[in-house]
Amino acid sequence: MRTSSSNANGARACCRCREKKIHCGREKPSCKACDSFGVNCAYPSTNDRYAVSRVRSCIECRRQRAKCDRKRPCSSCVTSKVKCIYTAASVGGGESTAESDSGAVGTNAFQNLITTTTNRTYSPDNLNPAILLGSDAHPAIVTPLHPSNPAQIWMLWHIYMKNVDSLYKIFHAPSFEKQLFRGVQNLQTIDADVETLLFAVYFAAITSVTNEDCQDRFSESKIVLLKRYRYALEKCLTRAMFLEIPQLVSLRAFVLYITACRDAPVTAPIDTLLALAIRLAIKLEVHKEHSRGQQQSSRFITLGERTNTELRRRLWWHLISLDVQIAESSGTDPTIIEGTFNASFPSSMDDGELDDNSDLPLPPLPGESFNPETYAINQALDGFADTYDQEHKIDMSYALVRMEIASGLRRYAFSEQFCQINGYEVVSTSAARLQHVNELVGKVNMKYLQYCQRNDFFSSFARNAAKLMLSKHLMLVKRADSAQQTLHNCTQVLEAAVGLRRTHPSWAWTLRSYVELDVLEVYLHSLVDIQNQPAIWDAEYEGQLKHGRALSLAAVERGREHDLKLCYPKQWKRIESLHQRLNDAIS
């Protein structure tokens, strides 16, 4: 006969009954419920009121916010044909472990994270989100961190679409907008992936506007909103376990966050974050051009397959562009090596021509016969893009120009060692570099600029921004010219950059560091050299020198007003130092 423990004596339910939330008779050594199911009955330690940890849903169900039956594997993962993995804390609050459907346990599912050293080389390290992103890694409810008014969510989405999406094209906005429309009706039930990307959208949208706009539209300062949405995004990424189980949606949100972070007044280890994003992209094979299997090649290519291919290309080449820009600003070499990837350059396709859920076949190439019973396209799709690019494309024009310039810079703008490792021709003279830039100018003009002739605001910005980026690089390779010529070139580019920011503020914020501040730094260097060596300056150019001093002073004062030291701390510190040297030389 069983010995029953009285509730009055403070006996507690057994572990299994607590987990299943069912009545426990508290009989010992085994309760009736456990006996009826034929399972072992265990009671928690009386010394630790928090000793029992409920078995949580599997990782995939938590990420999707789906109901999990906690089987091994669970029904939801079996239906979705994904690996079912559980995490649970050991009794007494021990370290977390990961348990898969096969029962195997690993102490850390993702050991090969990347950390940055002083020379931008990366080695495996065991970082976690708390160290990586600067906040604690415990799960948190992020629903209260959304804007309180749904109208503000749509306002942020509108700002993102206008100011950010047209510049970068990191994800397919029309598809996401449909998901957002369903999710914003009830934020409590919004899909976890949509929520992660949505907070990245909030962050990027706020980055693209001024503090005054934030106060007017949202009644809060820019820095407060950025910190809130950054915190929420970090929590979403932690919840999605994107380090252990990276997903394309989480990676796109992470890359968007890194992209916006470069121009936001918040501190972040951009080099380390980018290195991690590249590693996760490689883990997801975004860098590879997936070939179609023999069975697939016998049927038509669907629009959904084409869309998936294009979006992966866009993401990888955006990472290449970021890698080049960050290497330029830090004076080091890019980390992505030629030959380690074969992802083709993205096509210039409008977002309206893509649909990741469509199973419709792509149209045949011009002049190709169409037989609906035997229709198959077995040739490279890039030929289709090449014949189609020159018609009316504008959606991807600016993003493609950025990628094209980044690809060209890899071949001449970095060290000889980088050229040798990548198999490029070593460019060691100013004349050779100038030839490379001129070839790049011609290529960009032939492929893009001559077709960007629409008479609208964004087309105007895309043309002028491309010319400014190319002009900056031409100016940099011509720095060996006379001081007068260098100052003249800098004046032209700097004034044009300031003018573009005034006429197109919605997009020109992205050029502030990449063009305007880079040129200002060279400008101040030239002024300091001239001021210290007056013999190299002819008296007839005194007016131009005076104009240069006034222009540089105005640029520095404007940067102080806009708190650029918060957005670009290292670059602005160099500019302030040069400005002080110029003042000392003048006085």
Protein backbone atom coordinates (compact mmCIF):
# COMPACT_ATOMS: atom_id res chain seq x y z
CA MET A 1 0.00 0.00 0.00
CA ARG A 2 1.17 3.49 -0.88
CA THR A 3 2.02 6.04 1.69
CA SER A 4 0.30 9.28 0.90
CA SER A 5 1.83 12.65 1.71
CA SER A 6 -0.57 15.24 3.02
CA ASN A 7 -0.98 18.57 1.27
CA ALA A 8 -0.99 20.17 4.66
CA ASN A 9 2.62 19.13 5.13
CA GLY A 10 3.66 21.17 2.11
CA ALA A 11 4.24 18.23 -0.26
CA ARG A 12 4.74 19.35 -3.84
CA ALA A 13 3.67 17.81 -7.14
CA CYS A 14 6.14 15.56 -8.94
CA CYS A 15 8.22 16.89 -11.81
CA ARG A 16 6.15 15.31 -14.59
CA CYS A 17 2.78 16.48 -13.24
CA ARG A 18 4.16 20.01 -12.87
CA GLU A 19 5.45 19.89 -16.43
CA LYS A 20 2.15 18.59 -17.85
CA LYS A 21 0.08 20.84 -15.55
CA ILE A 22 -2.07 17.96 -14.33
CA HIS A 23 -3.28 17.01 -10.83
CA CYS A 24 -0.73 15.07 -8.80
CA GLY A 25 -1.79 12.89 -5.87
CA ARG A 26 1.71 13.37 -4.40
CA GLU A 27 1.96 9.69 -3.51
CA LYS A 28 5.45 8.38 -2.91
CA PRO A 29 7.55 6.80 -4.20
CA SER A 30 5.37 7.08 -7.36
CA CYS A 31 2.17 9.06 -7.91
CA LYS A 32 -0.91 7.56 -9.55
CA ALA A 33 -0.56 9.67 -12.70
CA CYS A 34 2.98 8.47 -13.37
CA ASP A 35 2.00 4.91 -12.58
CA SER A 36 -0.85 5.04 -15.09
CA PHE A 37 1.51 6.26 -17.84
CA GLY A 38 4.26 3.86 -16.85
CA VAL A 39 6.91 6.54 -16.41
CA ASN A 40 9.39 7.25 -13.67
CA CYS A 41 8.13 9.57 -10.95
CA ALA A 42 10.59 12.09 -9.50
CA TYR A 43 10.09 14.89 -7.00
CA PRO A 44 12.03 18.15 -6.84
CA SER A 45 14.52 18.85 -4.13
CA THR A 46 12.99 20.49 -1.06
CA ASN A 47 16.02 22.78 -0.81
CA ASP A 48 15.42 24.58 -4.08
CA ARG A 49 12.00 25.97 -4.90
CA TYR A 50 13.14 26.67 -8.48
CA ALA A 51 14.80 23.29 -8.98
CA VAL A 52 12.30 22.05 -11.59
CA SER A 53 12.47 23.53 -15.03
CA ARG A 54 9.61 22.96 -17.41
CA VAL A 55 10.48 21.21 -20.64
CA ARG A 56 10.26 24.00 -23.17
CA SER A 57 9.05 23.82 -26.74
CA CYS A 58 11.62 22.90 -29.36
CA ILE A 59 13.75 25.65 -30.88
CA GLU A 60 11.91 25.74 -34.22
CA CYS A 61 8.45 26.01 -32.60
CA ARG A 62 9.64 28.78 -30.31
CA ARG A 63 11.16 30.62 -33.26
CA GLN A 64 7.91 30.30 -35.23
CA ARG A 65 5.76 30.86 -32.11
CA ALA A 66 3.96 27.62 -32.95
CA LYS A 67 2.39 25.13 -30.55
CA CYS A 68 4.77 22.28 -29.76
CA ASP A 69 3.61 18.89 -28.50
CA ARG A 70 7.13 18.34 -27.08
CA LYS A 71 7.52 14.91 -28.66
CA ARG A 72 10.94 13.81 -29.88
CA PRO A 73 10.69 14.93 -32.69
CA CYS A 74 7.56 17.09 -32.39
CA SER A 75 4.72 16.85 -34.90
CA SER A 76 5.23 20.43 -36.15
CA CYS A 77 8.87 19.79 -37.12
CA VAL A 78 7.95 16.47 -38.74
CA THR A 79 5.29 18.23 -40.84
CA SER A 80 7.69 21.07 -41.76
CA LYS A 81 10.52 18.58 -42.47
CA VAL A 82 13.01 20.43 -40.28
CA LYS A 83 15.33 19.15 -37.57
CA CYS A 84 13.71 19.16 -34.13
CA ILE A 85 16.07 20.44 -31.42
CA TYR A 86 15.30 21.06 -27.76
CA THR A 87 17.10 23.12 -25.13
CA ALA A 88 16.54 22.70 -21.43
CA ALA A 89 18.24 23.91 -18.27
CA SER A 90 19.57 21.20 -15.99
CA VAL A 91 17.99 20.77 -12.57
CA GLY A 92 19.41 23.27 -10.13
CA GLY A 93 20.17 25.91 -12.77
CA GLY A 94 23.08 24.33 -14.62
CA GLU A 95 24.38 25.30 -18.05
CA SER A 96 22.15 24.97 -21.09
CA THR A 97 22.50 22.02 -23.40
CA ALA A 98 21.10 21.33 -26.85
CA GLU A 99 19.27 18.07 -27.49
CA SER A 100 18.23 16.94 -30.95
CA ASP A 101 15.58 14.45 -31.93
CA SER A 102 18.23 11.76 -32.03
CA GLY A 103 19.01 12.34 -28.37
CA ALA A 104 22.51 13.64 -28.97
CA VAL A 105 23.63 16.38 -26.64
CA GLY A 106 26.16 19.09 -27.49
CA THR A 107 27.62 21.73 -25.21
CA ASN A 108 27.64 24.36 -27.92
CA ALA A 109 25.97 24.01 -31.31
CA PHE A 110 27.91 26.86 -32.90
CA GLN A 111 31.62 27.04 -32.03
CA ASN A 112 32.98 28.88 -35.06
CA LEU A 113 31.99 32.46 -34.37
CA ILE A 114 34.34 35.17 -35.50
CA THR A 115 36.01 37.93 -33.61
CA THR A 116 38.05 40.82 -34.91
CA THR A 117 41.69 41.50 -34.22
CA THR A 118 43.53 44.71 -34.89
CA ASN A 119 44.42 43.79 -38.47
CA ARG A 120 40.88 42.60 -39.37
CA THR A 121 41.77 38.93 -39.39
CA TYR A 122 39.32 36.60 -37.71
CA SER A 123 39.76 33.50 -35.61
CA PRO A 124 37.23 31.11 -34.05
CA ASP A 125 35.90 32.26 -30.71
CA ASN A 126 33.08 31.28 -28.39
CA LEU A 127 31.07 34.47 -28.25
CA ASN A 128 27.41 34.67 -27.37
CA PRO A 129 24.79 37.34 -28.13
CA ALA A 130 25.34 39.05 -24.77
CA ILE A 131 29.00 39.74 -25.60
CA LEU A 132 28.41 40.22 -29.31
CA LEU A 133 25.50 42.64 -29.29
CA GLY A 134 25.99 44.28 -25.93
CA SER A 135 22.91 43.14 -24.00
CA ASP A 136 22.00 40.22 -21.78
CA ALA A 137 21.07 37.06 -23.62
CA HIS A 138 18.02 36.15 -21.52
CA PRO A 139 14.73 35.98 -23.46
CA ALA A 140 12.47 39.00 -23.17
CA ILE A 141 9.00 40.00 -24.30
CA VAL A 142 9.45 42.57 -27.05
CA THR A 143 5.80 43.29 -27.91
CA PRO A 144 5.70 46.45 -25.70
CA LEU A 145 8.72 47.79 -27.62
CA HIS A 146 6.73 48.20 -30.84
CA PRO A 147 5.22 51.64 -31.50
CA SER A 148 2.05 51.92 -29.42
CA ASN A 149 0.02 53.15 -32.38
CA PRO A 150 -0.30 50.94 -35.51
CA ALA A 151 -0.28 54.14 -37.57
CA GLN A 152 3.31 54.74 -36.41
CA ILE A 153 4.30 51.25 -37.56
CA TRP A 154 3.04 52.05 -41.05
CA MET A 155 4.77 55.45 -40.86
CA LEU A 156 8.08 53.72 -40.08
CA TRP A 157 7.47 51.27 -42.93
CA HIS A 158 6.79 54.16 -45.30
CA ILE A 159 10.02 55.90 -44.19
CA TYR A 160 11.96 52.68 -44.69
CA MET A 161 10.55 52.10 -48.17
CA LYS A 162 11.32 55.66 -49.23
CA ASN A 163 14.69 56.25 -47.55
CA VAL A 164 16.33 52.83 -47.20
CA ASP A 165 14.87 50.06 -49.37
CA SER A 166 15.55 51.92 -52.63
CA LEU A 167 19.22 52.18 -51.63
CA TYR A 168 20.04 48.64 -50.51
CA LYS A 169 17.37 46.08 -51.55
CA ILE A 170 18.37 43.60 -48.84
CA PHE A 171 15.03 41.75 -48.85
CA HIS A 172 11.94 41.56 -51.05
CA ALA A 173 9.76 44.37 -49.71
CA PRO A 174 6.44 43.45 -51.43
CA SER A 175 6.45 39.95 -49.88
CA PHE A 176 7.33 41.33 -46.45
CA GLU A 177 4.62 43.98 -46.68
CA LYS A 178 1.96 41.28 -47.08
CA GLN A 179 3.24 39.52 -43.95
CA LEU A 180 3.39 42.83 -42.11
CA PHE A 181 -0.21 43.65 -43.02
CA ARG A 182 -1.37 40.40 -41.43
CA GLY A 183 0.88 40.66 -38.37
CA VAL A 184 0.28 44.29 -37.46
CA GLN A 185 -3.40 43.55 -36.77
CA ASN A 186 -2.34 41.70 -33.62
CA LEU A 187 1.28 42.06 -32.54
CA GLN A 188 0.80 39.30 -29.96
CA THR A 189 0.50 36.74 -32.75
CA ILE A 190 2.96 38.19 -35.27
CA ASP A 191 5.34 35.62 -36.76
CA ALA A 192 8.74 35.62 -35.03
CA ASP A 193 10.67 36.01 -38.29
CA VAL A 194 8.51 38.93 -39.37
CA GLU A 195 8.98 40.58 -35.97
CA THR A 196 12.78 40.23 -36.14
CA LEU A 197 12.97 41.84 -39.55
CA LEU A 198 10.42 44.48 -38.52
CA PHE A 199 12.61 45.76 -35.67
CA ALA A 200 15.54 45.98 -38.13
CA VAL A 201 13.26 48.03 -40.39
CA TYR A 202 12.39 50.34 -37.48
CA PHE A 203 16.08 50.82 -36.69
CA ALA A 204 17.07 51.56 -40.29
CA ALA A 205 14.12 53.93 -40.79
CA ILE A 206 14.99 55.99 -37.70
CA THR A 207 18.66 56.08 -38.78
CA SER A 208 17.67 57.73 -42.06
CA VAL A 209 15.83 60.72 -40.52
CA THR A 210 16.92 63.63 -38.37
CA ASN A 211 16.33 64.09 -34.67
CA GLU A 212 13.87 66.90 -35.44
CA ASP A 213 11.81 64.55 -37.63
CA CYS A 214 11.75 61.96 -34.85
CA GLN A 215 10.50 64.52 -32.36
CA ASP A 216 7.82 65.76 -34.75
CA ARG A 217 6.56 62.36 -35.87
CA PHE A 218 7.07 60.15 -32.81
CA SER A 219 7.46 62.65 -29.92
CA GLU A 220 10.73 60.98 -28.91
CA SER A 221 14.38 61.66 -29.67
CA LYS A 222 16.26 59.75 -32.34
CA ILE A 223 18.76 58.23 -29.91
CA VAL A 224 16.00 56.94 -27.59
CA LEU A 225 14.19 55.24 -30.48
CA LEU A 226 17.40 53.74 -31.87
CA LYS A 227 18.37 52.25 -28.51
CA ARG A 228 14.89 50.81 -28.01
CA TYR A 229 14.71 49.17 -31.42
CA ARG A 230 18.28 47.94 -31.23
CA TYR A 231 17.54 46.27 -27.89
CA ALA A 232 14.37 44.67 -29.28
CA LEU A 233 16.21 43.43 -32.37
CA GLU A 234 18.94 41.86 -30.26
CA LYS A 235 16.29 40.10 -28.18
CA CYS A 236 14.57 38.80 -31.33
CA LEU A 237 17.86 37.49 -32.71
CA THR A 238 18.60 35.81 -29.38
CA ARG A 239 15.13 34.26 -29.36
CA ALA A 240 15.63 33.01 -32.92
CA MET A 241 18.97 31.47 -31.83
CA PHE A 242 20.45 32.85 -35.02
CA LEU A 243 23.98 31.94 -33.96
CA GLU A 244 23.18 28.25 -33.51
CA ILE A 245 20.50 27.92 -36.19
CA PRO A 246 20.94 30.76 -38.72
CA GLN A 247 18.00 31.49 -40.98
CA LEU A 248 17.92 33.73 -44.06
CA VAL A 249 15.30 36.03 -42.53
CA SER A 250 17.34 36.53 -39.36
CA LEU A 251 20.49 37.06 -41.42
CA ARG A 252 18.78 39.73 -43.54
CA ALA A 253 17.63 41.49 -40.37
CA PHE A 254 21.17 41.29 -38.97
CA VAL A 255 22.74 42.63 -42.18
CA LEU A 256 20.21 45.48 -42.34
CA TYR A 257 21.08 46.33 -38.73
CA ILE A 258 24.83 46.41 -39.53
CA THR A 259 24.21 48.54 -42.62
CA ALA A 260 22.18 51.11 -40.70
CA CYS A 261 24.51 50.99 -37.70
CA ARG A 262 27.34 52.50 -39.77
CA ASP A 263 25.38 55.78 -39.94
CA ALA A 264 23.62 55.66 -36.58
CA PRO A 265 24.74 57.48 -33.41
CA VAL A 266 25.15 54.22 -31.47
CA THR A 267 28.30 52.32 -30.67
CA ALA A 268 28.74 48.91 -32.28
CA PRO A 269 31.71 46.67 -33.20
CA ILE A 270 30.97 46.90 -36.92
CA ASP A 271 34.03 44.87 -37.98
CA THR A 272 33.11 41.99 -35.70
CA LEU A 273 29.42 42.08 -36.62
CA LEU A 274 30.22 42.08 -40.34
CA ALA A 275 32.63 39.17 -39.92
CA LEU A 276 29.91 37.21 -38.15
CA ALA A 277 27.37 38.05 -40.86
CA ILE A 278 29.77 36.83 -43.55
CA ARG A 279 30.37 33.60 -41.64
CA LEU A 280 26.64 32.98 -41.20
CA ALA A 281 26.04 33.71 -44.90
CA ILE A 282 28.67 31.10 -45.80
CA LYS A 283 27.07 28.65 -43.38
CA LEU A 284 23.76 29.19 -45.23
CA GLU A 285 25.61 28.90 -48.57
CA VAL A 286 24.47 32.32 -49.74
CA HIS A 287 27.87 32.66 -51.42
CA LYS A 288 27.20 29.68 -53.69
CA GLU A 289 25.31 29.56 -56.94
CA HIS A 290 23.14 26.51 -56.49
CA SER A 291 22.99 24.32 -59.57
CA ARG A 292 19.74 22.60 -60.45
CA GLY A 293 19.64 18.83 -60.09
CA GLN A 294 19.10 16.52 -63.02
CA GLN A 295 15.44 16.09 -62.15
CA GLN A 296 14.90 19.83 -61.77
CA SER A 297 16.69 20.71 -65.01
CA SER A 298 14.17 18.71 -66.97
CA ARG A 299 11.35 21.07 -66.01
CA PHE A 300 10.78 24.80 -66.29
CA ILE A 301 12.35 27.31 -63.91
CA THR A 302 9.67 28.92 -61.79
CA LEU A 303 9.44 32.57 -60.85
CA GLY A 304 9.74 31.54 -57.20
CA GLU A 305 13.08 29.81 -57.87
CA ARG A 306 14.31 32.80 -59.82
CA THR A 307 13.27 35.12 -56.98
CA ASN A 308 15.07 33.01 -54.37
CA THR A 309 18.23 33.03 -56.48
CA GLU A 310 18.12 36.79 -56.99
CA LEU A 311 17.54 37.56 -53.31
CA ARG A 312 20.48 35.39 -52.27
CA ARG A 313 22.70 37.13 -54.85
CA ARG A 314 21.61 40.55 -53.61
CA LEU A 315 22.40 39.63 -50.01
CA TRP A 316 25.86 38.23 -50.79
CA TRP A 317 26.92 41.14 -52.99
CA HIS A 318 25.64 43.61 -50.42
CA LEU A 319 27.98 41.91 -47.94
CA ILE A 320 30.85 42.29 -50.43
CA SER A 321 30.06 46.01 -50.74
CA LEU A 322 29.98 46.44 -46.95
CA ASP A 323 33.25 44.53 -46.65
CA VAL A 324 34.94 46.89 -49.14
CA GLN A 325 33.54 50.07 -47.54
CA ILE A 326 34.57 49.06 -44.03
CA ALA A 327 38.02 48.05 -45.26
CA GLU A 328 38.39 51.44 -46.94
CA SER A 329 37.41 53.35 -43.81
CA SER A 330 39.69 51.30 -41.55
CA GLY A 331 42.68 51.30 -43.95
CA THR A 332 42.82 47.49 -44.15
CA ASP A 333 42.03 44.81 -46.72
CA PRO A 334 38.61 43.21 -47.31
CA THR A 335 38.07 39.79 -45.76
CA ILE A 336 36.13 38.09 -48.57
CA ILE A 337 38.52 36.35 -50.94
CA GLU A 338 37.93 35.84 -54.66
CA GLY A 339 37.52 32.17 -55.49
CA THR A 340 35.77 31.34 -52.22
CA PHE A 341 32.39 32.26 -53.73
CA ASN A 342 30.66 31.83 -57.08
CA ALA A 343 27.44 33.77 -56.52
CA SER A 344 26.68 35.65 -59.73
CA PHE A 345 26.18 39.40 -59.83
CA PRO A 346 22.50 40.31 -59.22
CA SER A 347 20.28 41.07 -62.17
CA SER A 348 18.55 44.40 -62.60
CA MET A 349 15.06 43.13 -61.95
CA ASP A 350 12.31 45.25 -60.43
CA ASP A 351 10.78 43.97 -57.21
CA GLY A 352 7.45 43.81 -58.99
CA GLU A 353 8.90 41.14 -61.31
CA LEU A 354 9.79 38.88 -58.39
CA ASP A 355 7.52 36.65 -56.32
CA ASP A 356 9.02 34.10 -53.96
CA ASN A 357 5.76 32.14 -53.69
CA SER A 358 5.03 31.80 -57.40
CA ASP A 359 5.28 28.45 -59.20
CA LEU A 360 4.64 30.01 -62.61
CA PRO A 361 7.31 29.40 -65.28
CA LEU A 362 9.59 32.17 -66.44
CA PRO A 363 8.75 33.49 -69.92
CA PRO A 364 10.89 32.17 -72.79
CA LEU A 365 13.82 34.18 -74.10
CA PRO A 366 13.20 36.46 -77.10
CA GLY A 367 13.03 34.33 -80.26
CA GLU A 368 12.71 31.08 -78.34
CA SER A 369 9.88 28.74 -79.32
CA PHE A 370 7.46 27.86 -76.56
CA ASN A 371 6.00 24.38 -76.18
CA PRO A 372 3.97 24.16 -72.96
CA GLU A 373 4.41 20.36 -72.78
CA THR A 374 8.19 20.23 -73.14
CA TYR A 375 9.13 23.75 -72.07
CA ALA A 376 12.48 23.86 -70.28
CA ILE A 377 15.11 26.54 -69.85
CA ASN A 378 18.44 24.80 -69.36
CA GLN A 379 20.71 27.69 -70.16
CA ALA A 380 22.14 30.32 -67.84
CA LEU A 381 19.57 32.82 -66.64
CA ASP A 382 22.06 35.67 -66.79
CA GLY A 383 21.63 35.82 -70.56
CA PHE A 384 17.99 36.65 -69.99
CA ALA A 385 18.97 39.42 -67.58
CA ASP A 386 21.54 40.94 -69.95
CA THR A 387 18.99 41.30 -72.76
CA TYR A 388 16.41 42.69 -70.41
CA ASP A 389 18.45 45.11 -68.28
CA GLN A 390 18.62 47.89 -70.81
CA GLU A 391 14.90 48.56 -71.08
CA HIS A 392 13.48 50.33 -68.08
CA LYS A 393 15.14 49.16 -64.88
CA ILE A 394 15.38 51.58 -61.99
CA ASP A 395 14.59 49.69 -58.75
CA MET A 396 18.03 48.10 -58.44
CA SER A 397 20.07 50.73 -60.25
CA TYR A 398 21.64 52.42 -57.23
CA ALA A 399 22.26 49.15 -55.38
CA LEU A 400 23.91 47.66 -58.48
CA VAL A 401 26.12 50.73 -58.93
CA ARG A 402 27.35 50.36 -55.34
CA MET A 403 28.11 46.68 -55.91
CA GLU A 404 29.85 47.38 -59.23
CA ILE A 405 32.06 50.06 -57.67
CA ALA A 406 32.92 47.76 -54.74
CA SER A 407 33.84 44.98 -57.15
CA GLY A 408 36.08 47.36 -59.10
CA LEU A 409 37.78 48.74 -55.98
CA ARG A 410 38.79 45.26 -54.88
CA ARG A 411 41.14 45.08 -57.88
CA TYR A 412 43.27 48.15 -57.25
CA ALA A 413 42.46 50.03 -54.03
CA PHE A 414 44.05 47.67 -51.53
CA SER A 415 47.43 46.14 -50.74
CA GLU A 416 49.62 44.15 -53.12
CA GLN A 417 49.22 41.16 -50.82
CA PHE A 418 45.44 41.33 -51.21
CA CYS A 419 45.80 41.44 -55.01
CA GLN A 420 48.14 38.44 -54.98
CA ILE A 421 45.86 36.38 -52.70
CA ASN A 422 42.87 37.10 -54.94
CA GLY A 423 44.74 36.52 -58.19
CA TYR A 424 44.40 40.15 -59.35
CA GLU A 425 47.00 42.06 -61.30
CA VAL A 426 49.16 43.99 -58.84
CA VAL A 427 48.60 47.73 -59.30
CA SER A 428 51.53 49.69 -57.90
CA THR A 429 51.55 53.04 -59.74
CA SER A 430 49.21 56.03 -59.70
CA ALA A 431 48.90 55.84 -63.49
CA ALA A 432 47.73 52.23 -63.32
CA ARG A 433 45.22 53.06 -60.58
CA LEU A 434 43.93 55.97 -62.63
CA GLN A 435 43.42 53.65 -65.58
CA HIS A 436 41.44 51.25 -63.38
CA VAL A 437 39.18 54.06 -62.14
CA ASN A 438 38.60 55.36 -65.66
CA GLU A 439 37.65 51.85 -66.79
CA LEU A 440 35.28 51.60 -63.83
CA VAL A 441 33.71 54.95 -64.74
CA GLY A 442 33.13 53.76 -68.29
CA LYS A 443 31.68 50.44 -67.13
CA VAL A 444 29.22 52.04 -64.68
CA ASN A 445 28.13 54.57 -67.29
CA MET A 446 27.64 51.93 -69.97
CA LYS A 447 25.77 49.45 -67.76
CA TYR A 448 23.64 51.79 -65.62
CA LEU A 449 23.89 55.56 -65.86
CA GLN A 450 22.92 55.89 -69.51
CA TYR A 451 19.67 54.07 -68.71
CA CYS A 452 18.85 56.04 -65.55
CA GLN A 453 17.25 58.92 -67.41
CA ARG A 454 13.86 59.08 -65.73
CA ASN A 455 12.88 62.57 -64.69
CA ASP A 456 12.11 61.78 -61.07
CA PHE A 457 13.81 62.52 -57.76
CA PHE A 458 15.35 59.11 -57.15
CA SER A 459 16.71 58.75 -60.69
CA SER A 460 18.34 62.15 -60.29
CA PHE A 461 19.86 61.07 -56.98
CA ALA A 462 21.09 57.73 -58.37
CA ARG A 463 22.88 59.44 -61.28
CA ASN A 464 24.50 62.14 -59.17
CA ALA A 465 25.39 59.84 -56.28
CA ALA A 466 27.13 57.43 -58.66
CA LYS A 467 29.08 60.30 -60.19
CA LEU A 468 30.06 61.54 -56.73
CA MET A 469 31.33 58.11 -55.63
CA LEU A 470 33.37 57.74 -58.80
CA SER A 471 34.63 61.34 -58.53
CA LYS A 472 35.83 60.65 -54.99
CA HIS A 473 37.89 57.69 -56.16
CA LEU A 474 39.27 59.67 -59.09
CA MET A 475 40.26 62.40 -56.66
CA LEU A 476 41.98 59.90 -54.36
CA VAL A 477 44.16 58.44 -57.12
CA LYS A 478 45.07 61.96 -58.26
CA ARG A 479 46.33 63.05 -54.84
CA ALA A 480 49.87 62.93 -56.23
CA ASP A 481 49.01 65.94 -58.43
CA SER A 482 49.87 69.48 -57.40
CA ALA A 483 48.42 70.87 -54.16
CA GLN A 484 46.41 73.41 -56.14
CA GLN A 485 44.82 70.71 -58.29
CA THR A 486 44.06 68.48 -55.30
CA LEU A 487 42.38 71.36 -53.49
CA HIS A 488 40.40 72.24 -56.62
CA ASN A 489 39.20 68.62 -57.03
CA CYS A 490 38.26 68.36 -53.35
CA THR A 491 36.33 71.63 -53.52
CA GLN A 492 34.26 70.42 -56.46
CA VAL A 493 33.41 67.04 -54.92
CA LEU A 494 32.72 68.43 -51.44
CA GLU A 495 30.42 71.19 -52.68
CA ALA A 496 28.55 68.75 -54.91
CA ALA A 497 28.13 66.30 -51.98
CA VAL A 498 26.78 69.05 -49.71
CA GLY A 499 24.43 70.18 -52.47
CA LEU A 500 23.15 66.63 -53.04
CA ARG A 501 22.44 66.23 -49.33
CA ARG A 502 20.41 69.43 -49.34
CA THR A 503 18.38 68.56 -52.43
CA HIS A 504 17.93 64.82 -51.70
CA PRO A 505 18.04 64.45 -47.89
CA SER A 506 15.99 61.24 -47.96
CA TRP A 507 18.87 59.29 -49.53
CA ALA A 508 22.06 61.37 -49.32
CA TRP A 509 22.53 60.47 -45.63
CA THR A 510 24.11 57.24 -46.84
CA LEU A 511 26.86 59.22 -48.65
CA ARG A 512 27.86 61.34 -45.67
CA SER A 513 30.67 59.11 -44.47
CA TYR A 514 31.46 57.36 -47.75
CA VAL A 515 31.91 60.55 -49.80
CA GLU A 516 31.51 63.79 -47.87
CA LEU A 517 33.65 63.05 -44.81
CA ASP A 518 36.26 61.12 -46.83
CA VAL A 519 36.72 64.12 -49.09
CA LEU A 520 36.72 66.55 -46.16
CA GLU A 521 39.57 64.58 -44.60
CA VAL A 522 41.66 64.83 -47.79
CA TYR A 523 40.67 68.48 -48.09
CA LEU A 524 41.96 69.32 -44.62
CA HIS A 525 45.18 67.38 -45.27
CA SER A 526 45.79 69.50 -48.38
CA LEU A 527 45.05 72.76 -46.56
CA VAL A 528 47.42 71.86 -43.73
CA ASP A 529 50.20 71.00 -46.21
CA ILE A 530 49.71 74.24 -48.12
CA GLN A 531 49.57 76.31 -44.95
CA ASN A 532 52.81 74.77 -43.69
CA GLN A 533 54.56 75.21 -47.07
CA PRO A 534 53.42 78.56 -48.46
CA ALA A 535 56.14 78.43 -51.12
CA ILE A 536 54.17 75.81 -53.08
CA TRP A 537 51.20 78.18 -53.42
CA ASP A 538 51.08 80.94 -55.97
CA ALA A 539 49.70 84.34 -54.97
CA GLU A 540 47.09 84.21 -57.74
CA TYR A 541 45.41 81.25 -55.96
CA GLU A 542 45.01 83.11 -52.68
CA GLY A 543 41.25 83.50 -53.29
CA GLN A 544 40.84 79.74 -53.77
CA LEU A 545 42.82 79.07 -50.60
CA LYS A 546 40.62 81.46 -48.62
CA HIS A 547 37.52 79.77 -50.05
CA GLY A 548 38.94 76.38 -49.01
CA ARG A 549 39.46 77.51 -45.42
CA ALA A 550 35.92 78.90 -45.20
CA LEU A 551 34.40 75.75 -46.76
CA SER A 552 36.29 73.42 -44.41
CA LEU A 553 35.33 75.52 -41.38
CA ALA A 554 31.66 75.45 -42.39
CA ALA A 555 31.80 71.66 -42.91
CA VAL A 556 33.36 71.04 -39.49
CA GLU A 557 30.91 73.36 -37.73
CA ARG A 558 27.98 71.68 -39.47
CA GLY A 559 29.31 68.27 -38.41
CA ARG A 560 29.52 69.42 -34.80
CA GLU A 561 25.93 70.66 -34.90
CA HIS A 562 24.78 67.27 -36.20
CA ASP A 563 26.87 65.35 -33.60
CA LEU A 564 28.76 63.40 -36.25
CA LYS A 565 31.24 62.30 -33.59
CA LEU A 566 28.51 59.95 -32.35
CA CYS A 567 27.91 58.45 -35.81
CA TYR A 568 31.50 58.24 -37.05
CA PRO A 569 33.72 58.50 -33.94
CA LYS A 570 37.05 57.41 -35.46
CA GLN A 571 36.65 59.36 -38.69
CA TRP A 572 35.41 62.48 -36.93
CA LYS A 573 38.30 62.35 -34.45
CA ARG A 574 40.76 62.45 -37.38
CA ILE A 575 38.86 65.37 -38.93
CA GLU A 576 38.87 67.34 -35.66
CA SER A 577 42.61 66.74 -35.31
CA LEU A 578 43.28 68.00 -38.84
CA HIS A 579 41.05 71.01 -38.27
CA GLN A 580 43.00 71.90 -35.14
CA ARG A 581 46.30 71.55 -37.02
CA LEU A 582 44.96 73.90 -39.69
CA ASN A 583 43.94 76.47 -37.09
CA ASP A 584 47.36 76.22 -35.44
CA ALA A 585 49.10 76.71 -38.81
CA ILE A 586 46.96 79.75 -39.65
CA SER A 587 47.52 81.38 -36.27
